[in-house]
Protein backbone atom coordinates (compact mmCIF):
# COMPACT_ATOMS: atom_id res chain seq x y z
CA MET A 1 0.02 -0.02 -0.01
CA PRO A 2 1.47 3.36 -0.97
CA ASN A 3 2.86 5.69 1.71
CA LEU A 4 2.79 8.88 -0.29
CA PRO A 5 2.35 12.33 1.43
CA ASN A 6 -0.59 13.70 -0.64
CA PRO A 7 -3.57 11.27 -0.61
CA VAL A 8 -6.93 12.39 -1.97
CA ALA A 9 -9.97 10.20 -1.68
CA HIS A 10 -13.83 10.29 -1.45
CA VAL A 11 -14.35 9.08 2.15
CA LEU A 12 -17.06 6.56 2.14
CA PRO A 13 -19.40 5.04 4.92
CA THR A 14 -17.57 3.36 7.72
CA SER A 15 -20.23 1.13 9.13
CA ILE A 16 -23.58 -0.40 8.65
CA PRO A 17 -25.65 -2.46 11.07
CA LYS A 18 -25.00 -6.22 10.74
CA PRO A 19 -28.16 -7.94 9.29
CA LYS A 20 -30.00 -10.15 11.57
CA SER A 21 -29.98 -12.83 8.70
CA THR A 22 -28.72 -13.15 5.18
CA PRO A 23 -30.65 -14.97 2.60
CA LYS A 24 -28.70 -17.74 0.92
CA PRO A 25 -28.44 -17.66 -2.89
CA THR A 26 -31.21 -19.61 -4.60
CA PRO A 27 -30.28 -22.10 -7.22
CA ASP A 28 -31.32 -19.48 -9.91
CA THR A 29 -29.06 -16.77 -8.47
CA ARG A 30 -25.95 -18.52 -7.42
CA TRP A 31 -22.72 -17.12 -8.96
CA PHE A 32 -20.49 -19.40 -10.87
CA GLY A 33 -18.25 -16.87 -12.62
CA GLU A 34 -20.94 -14.94 -14.63
CA PRO A 35 -21.19 -11.93 -14.66
CA GLY A 36 -17.43 -11.67 -14.40
CA ILE A 37 -15.69 -9.57 -11.76
CA TRP A 38 -14.87 -6.18 -13.39
CA GLN A 39 -11.20 -5.55 -13.75
CA PRO A 40 -10.08 -1.87 -13.70
CA PRO A 41 -8.02 -0.83 -16.75
CA ASP A 42 -4.60 0.64 -16.54
CA ILE A 43 -4.64 4.48 -15.83
CA PRO A 44 -2.17 6.43 -18.00
CA GLY A 45 0.46 8.16 -15.85
CA ALA A 46 -0.31 6.17 -12.72
CA ARG A 47 0.20 2.82 -11.28
CA ILE A 48 -2.49 0.82 -9.46
CA GLU A 49 -2.06 -1.07 -6.25
CA TYR A 50 -4.73 -3.16 -4.53
CA PHE A 51 -5.85 -4.14 -1.10
CA THR A 52 -7.67 -7.46 -0.59
CA VAL A 53 -11.34 -7.54 0.28
CA SER A 54 -13.05 -10.80 1.35
CA GLY A 55 -16.64 -11.84 2.06
CA SER A 56 -19.68 -13.55 0.66
CA THR A 57 -22.31 -10.93 1.66
CA GLN A 58 -22.51 -7.23 1.19
CA TRP A 59 -22.06 -6.65 4.98
CA GLU A 60 -18.98 -8.79 5.02
CA LEU A 61 -17.54 -6.83 1.98
CA ILE A 62 -18.21 -3.44 3.75
CA THR A 63 -16.68 -4.76 6.91
CA SER A 64 -13.60 -5.92 4.94
CA LEU A 65 -13.39 -2.68 3.00
CA ASN A 66 -13.37 -0.73 6.17
CA ALA A 67 -10.77 -2.90 7.82
CA ASN A 68 -8.29 -3.18 4.92
CA SER A 69 -8.63 0.19 3.17
CA PRO A 70 -5.91 2.81 3.41
CA LYS A 71 -5.74 4.73 6.79
CA ASN A 72 -4.24 8.01 7.90
CA PRO A 73 -1.57 8.11 10.63
CA ASN A 74 -4.41 8.32 13.21
CA GLY A 75 -5.85 4.98 11.92
CA GLU A 76 -8.88 6.59 10.30
CA ILE A 77 -10.17 5.46 6.95
CA VAL A 78 -9.08 7.65 4.09
CA GLY A 79 -11.42 6.05 1.56
CA TRP A 80 -12.23 2.91 -0.29
CA GLY A 81 -10.03 4.25 -3.14
CA VAL A 82 -7.16 6.57 -2.92
CA ALA A 83 -4.94 8.50 -5.35
CA ALA A 84 -1.71 9.70 -3.91
CA TRP A 85 1.01 11.80 -5.58
CA GLU A 86 4.60 12.59 -4.84
CA HIS A 87 7.26 14.42 -6.90
CA SER A 88 11.00 13.50 -6.89
CA GLY A 89 13.62 15.92 -5.70
CA GLY A 90 16.60 17.10 -7.73
CA THR A 91 19.43 19.61 -8.29
CA CYS A 92 18.65 22.76 -10.06
CA TYR A 93 21.29 24.06 -12.40
CA SER A 94 19.04 26.11 -14.58
CA PRO A 95 15.17 26.41 -14.49
CA ARG A 96 15.06 25.37 -18.07
CA THR A 97 16.47 21.89 -17.31
CA VAL A 98 14.54 21.10 -14.16
CA ASP A 99 12.88 17.74 -14.30
CA LEU A 100 10.81 16.66 -11.23
CA PRO A 101 8.85 13.46 -12.18
CA VAL A 102 5.64 12.92 -10.33
CA ASP A 103 4.73 9.47 -8.98
CA VAL A 104 0.93 8.88 -8.90
CA VAL A 105 -0.36 5.69 -7.12
CA VAL A 106 -4.00 4.68 -7.11
CA THR A 107 -5.08 2.22 -4.37
CA LEU A 108 -8.20 0.13 -5.11
CA PRO A 109 -9.98 -2.70 -3.52
CA ARG A 110 -9.79 -6.27 -5.00
CA TRP A 111 -12.39 -9.00 -4.38
CA THR A 112 -11.88 -12.41 -5.85
CA PRO A 113 -14.73 -14.72 -4.72
CA LEU A 114 -14.72 -18.36 -5.61
CA PRO A 115 -17.18 -19.13 -8.41
CA ASP A 116 -18.72 -22.02 -6.40
CA GLY A 117 -22.22 -20.78 -5.89
CA THR A 118 -21.77 -19.42 -2.40
CA VAL A 119 -22.06 -15.78 -3.63
CA ASP A 120 -25.25 -14.35 -5.11
CA GLN A 121 -25.09 -12.95 -8.68
CA ASP A 122 -26.65 -9.68 -7.44
CA LEU A 123 -23.66 -9.13 -5.03
CA VAL A 124 -21.31 -9.41 -7.97
CA THR A 125 -23.29 -6.91 -9.90
CA LYS A 126 -23.31 -4.47 -6.99
CA TRP A 127 -19.56 -4.96 -6.49
CA ASN A 128 -18.85 -4.29 -10.09
CA ALA A 129 -20.87 -1.04 -9.86
CA LEU A 130 -18.94 0.05 -6.70
CA GLN A 131 -15.57 -0.70 -8.17
CA GLN A 132 -16.33 1.17 -11.50
CA THR A 133 -17.53 4.19 -9.46
CA ILE A 134 -14.36 4.23 -7.17
CA TYR A 135 -12.23 3.77 -10.39
CA VAL A 136 -13.85 6.77 -12.20
CA HIS A 137 -13.45 8.91 -9.13
CA GLU A 138 -9.75 8.14 -8.77
CA VAL A 139 -9.13 8.57 -12.48
CA GLY A 140 -10.43 12.13 -12.11
CA HIS A 141 -7.90 12.78 -9.23
CA VAL A 142 -5.11 11.35 -11.46
CA LYS A 143 -5.95 13.66 -14.28
CA ILE A 144 -5.82 16.65 -11.87
CA ASP A 145 -2.52 15.59 -10.39
CA ILE A 146 -0.79 15.11 -13.75
CA ASP A 147 -2.33 18.11 -15.65
CA ASP A 148 -1.44 20.44 -12.73
CA TRP A 149 2.12 19.19 -12.34
CA THR A 150 2.81 19.26 -16.08
CA ALA A 151 1.64 22.86 -16.10
CA ALA A 152 3.77 23.58 -13.11
CA ILE A 153 6.92 22.23 -14.77
CA ASP A 154 6.24 24.16 -17.91
CA TYR A 155 6.01 27.35 -15.70
CA ILE A 156 9.11 26.42 -13.85
CA HIS A 157 11.10 26.24 -17.19
CA GLN A 158 10.32 29.97 -17.69
CA LEU A 159 11.55 31.16 -14.26
CA SER A 160 14.74 33.29 -13.94
CA SER A 161 16.53 31.38 -11.24
CA CYS A 162 16.78 28.27 -9.17
CA GLN A 163 15.75 30.11 -6.14
CA ALA A 164 12.50 31.11 -7.92
CA VAL A 165 12.00 27.45 -8.62
CA ILE A 166 12.41 26.57 -4.99
CA ASN A 167 9.99 29.40 -4.03
CA TYR A 168 7.42 28.28 -6.54
CA ILE A 169 7.15 24.63 -5.79
CA PRO A 170 5.04 24.97 -2.64
CA THR A 171 2.54 27.04 -4.63
CA ALA A 172 2.35 24.34 -7.32
CA GLU A 173 1.80 21.70 -4.67
CA GLN A 174 -0.97 23.65 -2.96
CA LYS A 175 -2.66 24.17 -6.41
CA ILE A 176 -2.92 20.43 -6.84
CA ARG A 177 -4.51 20.09 -3.38
CA ASP A 178 -6.88 22.89 -4.04
CA ASP A 179 -7.93 21.59 -7.36
CA ASN A 180 -8.61 18.18 -5.86
CA ASP A 181 -10.67 19.77 -3.08
CA ALA A 182 -12.69 21.59 -5.80
CA TYR A 183 -13.20 18.29 -7.62
CA HIS A 184 -14.78 16.85 -4.50
CA ALA A 185 -16.99 19.88 -4.15
CA ARG A 186 -18.20 19.51 -7.80
CA LEU A 187 -19.04 15.79 -7.21
CA LYS A 188 -20.77 16.65 -3.93
CA ALA A 189 -23.02 19.16 -5.77
CA ASP A 190 -23.87 16.81 -8.61
CA CYS A 191 -23.31 13.31 -7.13
CA ARG A 192 -23.78 10.55 -9.69
CA PRO A 193 -22.16 7.12 -9.84
CA GLU A 194 -21.22 7.53 -13.55
CA ILE A 195 -19.04 10.53 -12.71
CA GLY A 196 -17.42 8.96 -9.60
CA CYS A 197 -19.73 9.79 -6.72
CA PHE A 198 -22.51 7.97 -4.92
CA PRO A 199 -24.78 8.84 -2.03
CA ARG A 200 -24.55 7.02 1.23
CA GLY A 201 -26.54 3.79 0.97
CA TRP A 202 -26.45 3.60 -2.91
CA LEU A 203 -27.15 -0.07 -3.83
CA GLY A 204 -26.63 -0.90 -0.10
CA TRP A 205 -23.16 0.56 0.04
């Protein structure tokens, strides 16, 4: 799991009551591999890491998501998906030659149930919808991180001195944080799964 200093995530519900009973899949709804578990595509400019989720009911999956998802130093859940960025250091000889590559890591949940009929098809469908929404959300963060840092490097190349570069970097870093906060605000104002946001309780999540 990444340990990068600038994580951004959509913080998701942390608990739901344990159901008194869970219906077993009927012969017609048992899952034997179809529909398949959705696999997130590669994200240009970022690498994906996963944390393991287990369970055969939605309550068990939520419990596992909360237990295994990335945490902050206080042990609090950051989110069920996280995009974190960090740029490398370097020596400045001239602003025109400064190169500070950015490392972007997206952390996503991974669930690999056995296709033996113990899981309901509906749960797989709900999981795929959740995973796709988390993925879309984090892709939005990656785009902000990369676009902002690319623009920052272009600006750095036009500066007059290495000291000006050093002075500017905190401003560039803050802009990325501000733009990610603004992204969250836009999603909150128009929360839809297809754009990377879902209201508490959507599909039982």
